[in-house]
């Protein structure tokens, strides 16, 4: 099974959780009848996740919750040369992960009714992010 990969360049987003499903599907064009979409973010301070896409308060609550688990002012961090948000961003990205696999059925992503693809941006002043998108048929 060979995969055809496309690089999707996302714009710079503010810190938080951002629904990117339409950016991903728009960049892919037509999908095969069946297959698997593999997404991989090429960064160590941002992640990808699937979560509820209907209520924006979910995104704000996710941001509040993850910041309470991994605060910027955590004592004893050594990797601080890039700023106080950098090492916590690496930890948060490890929690969420850098890749997703989504089935393709009937030429569509087989996401549930309330599911969307999210960029998890953990830096205070990020640049744009690159996501590799591969379709395995």
Protein backbone atom coordinates (compact mmCIF):
# COMPACT_ATOMS: atom_id res chain seq x y z
CA UNK A 1 0.00 0.00 0.00
CA UNK A 2 1.56 3.25 -1.12
CA UNK A 3 0.53 6.57 0.33
CA UNK A 4 0.44 9.84 -1.55
CA UNK A 5 1.44 12.70 0.79
CA UNK A 6 0.60 16.38 0.56
CA UNK A 7 2.05 19.15 2.72
CA UNK A 8 -0.61 21.44 4.14
CA UNK A 9 0.68 24.79 5.34
CA UNK A 10 -1.52 26.17 8.12
CA UNK A 11 -1.42 29.86 9.00
CA UNK A 12 -0.21 31.06 12.39
CA UNK A 13 -2.97 30.53 14.94
CA UNK A 14 -3.12 31.96 18.43
CA UNK A 15 -2.53 29.65 21.34
CA UNK A 16 -5.45 27.27 21.80
CA UNK A 17 -7.44 24.61 20.00
CA UNK A 18 -8.44 25.40 16.41
CA UNK A 19 -10.86 23.50 14.19
CA UNK A 20 -9.00 22.73 10.95
CA UNK A 21 -11.20 20.05 9.37
CA UNK A 22 -12.21 22.23 6.42
CA UNK A 23 -8.60 23.33 5.79
CA UNK A 24 -7.53 19.69 5.69
CA UNK A 25 -10.36 18.49 3.45
CA UNK A 26 -10.01 21.54 1.20
CA UNK A 27 -6.33 20.83 0.65
CA UNK A 28 -6.96 17.16 -0.14
CA UNK A 29 -9.54 17.51 -2.88
CA UNK A 30 -11.52 14.41 -3.83
CA UNK A 31 -11.06 11.37 -1.62
CA UNK A 32 -11.02 7.72 -2.72
CA UNK A 33 -14.05 5.55 -2.04
CA UNK A 34 -12.26 3.87 0.86
CA UNK A 35 -8.91 4.30 2.55
CA UNK A 36 -7.17 5.91 5.47
CA UNK A 37 -6.08 9.51 5.95
CA UNK A 38 -2.88 9.85 7.95
CA UNK A 39 -2.07 13.32 9.32
CA UNK A 40 1.30 14.20 10.84
CA UNK A 41 2.25 17.61 12.23
CA UNK A 42 5.93 18.44 11.73
CA UNK A 43 6.40 20.35 14.98
CA UNK A 44 7.27 19.55 18.59
CA UNK A 45 5.26 22.32 20.25
CA UNK A 46 1.86 21.71 18.63
CA UNK A 47 -0.33 18.64 18.28
CA UNK A 48 -3.39 17.20 16.58
CA UNK A 49 -6.55 15.80 18.11
CA UNK A 50 -10.13 14.89 17.26
CA UNK A 51 -12.79 16.37 19.49
CA UNK A 52 -16.21 18.02 19.54
CA UNK A 53 -16.65 20.50 16.72
CA UNK A 54 -20.07 21.99 17.60
CA UNK A 55 -19.62 23.98 20.81
CA UNK A 56 -16.65 26.41 20.89
CA UNK A 57 -16.67 26.34 24.70
CA UNK A 58 -15.15 22.83 24.46
CA UNK A 59 -12.05 24.38 22.88
CA UNK A 60 -11.76 27.02 25.59
CA UNK A 61 -12.24 24.41 28.33
CA UNK A 62 -9.58 22.19 26.74
CA UNK A 63 -7.14 25.13 26.82
CA UNK A 64 -7.94 25.89 30.47
CA UNK A 65 -7.64 22.26 31.50
CA UNK A 66 -4.33 21.53 29.76
CA UNK A 67 -2.85 24.76 31.15
CA UNK A 68 -3.81 23.67 34.67
CA UNK A 69 -2.04 20.33 34.14
CA UNK A 70 1.06 21.82 32.48
CA UNK A 71 1.51 25.42 33.69
CA UNK A 72 4.15 27.75 32.26
CA UNK A 73 5.45 28.57 35.73
CA UNK A 74 6.30 24.99 36.64
CA UNK A 75 9.44 25.17 38.81
CA UNK A 76 12.68 23.50 37.83
CA UNK A 77 12.36 23.40 34.03
CA UNK A 78 15.77 23.50 32.33
CA UNK A 79 14.76 24.00 28.68
CA UNK A 80 13.79 27.68 28.86
CA UNK A 81 16.00 29.32 26.21
CA UNK A 82 13.04 29.77 23.80
CA UNK A 83 10.76 31.28 26.44
CA UNK A 84 8.56 30.15 29.31
CA UNK A 85 5.94 28.62 27.00
CA UNK A 86 8.35 26.39 25.04
CA UNK A 87 9.00 23.44 27.36
CA UNK A 88 5.36 23.28 28.51
CA UNK A 89 4.42 23.27 24.80
CA UNK A 90 6.64 20.23 24.22
CA UNK A 91 5.00 18.39 27.13
CA UNK A 92 1.49 19.28 25.94
CA UNK A 93 2.31 18.20 22.37
CA UNK A 94 3.49 14.84 23.72
CA UNK A 95 0.18 14.40 25.58
CA UNK A 96 -1.89 15.00 22.43
CA UNK A 97 0.45 13.49 19.86
CA UNK A 98 1.64 14.41 16.42
CA UNK A 99 -0.50 12.18 14.20
CA UNK A 100 -4.04 11.03 13.50
CA UNK A 101 -5.53 8.27 11.36
CA UNK A 102 -9.05 8.77 10.02
CA UNK A 103 -10.91 6.19 7.92
CA UNK A 104 -12.27 7.21 4.53
CA UNK A 105 -15.63 5.65 3.66
CA UNK A 106 -17.80 6.57 0.65
CA UNK A 107 -15.34 9.33 -0.38
CA UNK A 108 -15.65 11.10 3.01
CA UNK A 109 -13.75 11.23 6.26
CA UNK A 110 -15.55 8.88 8.64
CA UNK A 111 -15.72 11.40 11.46
CA UNK A 112 -18.63 11.18 13.87
CA UNK A 113 -21.43 13.75 13.85
CA UNK A 114 -19.77 16.03 16.40
CA UNK A 115 -16.13 15.27 15.59
CA UNK A 116 -13.63 17.63 14.03
CA UNK A 117 -9.88 17.76 13.48
CA UNK A 118 -8.10 20.25 15.72
CA UNK A 119 -4.72 21.92 15.70
CA UNK A 120 -3.53 22.13 19.31
CA UNK A 121 -1.36 25.25 19.37
CA UNK A 122 0.69 25.48 22.55
CA UNK A 123 3.02 28.42 21.82
CA UNK A 124 2.20 32.03 22.68
CA UNK A 125 3.61 33.44 19.42
CA UNK A 126 3.71 30.57 16.92
CA UNK A 127 4.56 30.61 13.27
CA UNK A 128 2.52 28.68 10.75
CA UNK A 129 2.44 24.90 11.06
CA UNK A 130 2.99 22.16 8.48
CA UNK A 131 0.85 19.04 8.40
CA UNK A 132 1.66 16.09 6.15
CA UNK A 133 -1.50 14.42 4.86
CA UNK A 134 -1.23 10.95 3.36
CA UNK A 135 -4.00 8.92 1.81
CA UNK A 136 -3.55 5.17 1.95
CA UNK A 137 -5.81 3.27 -0.44
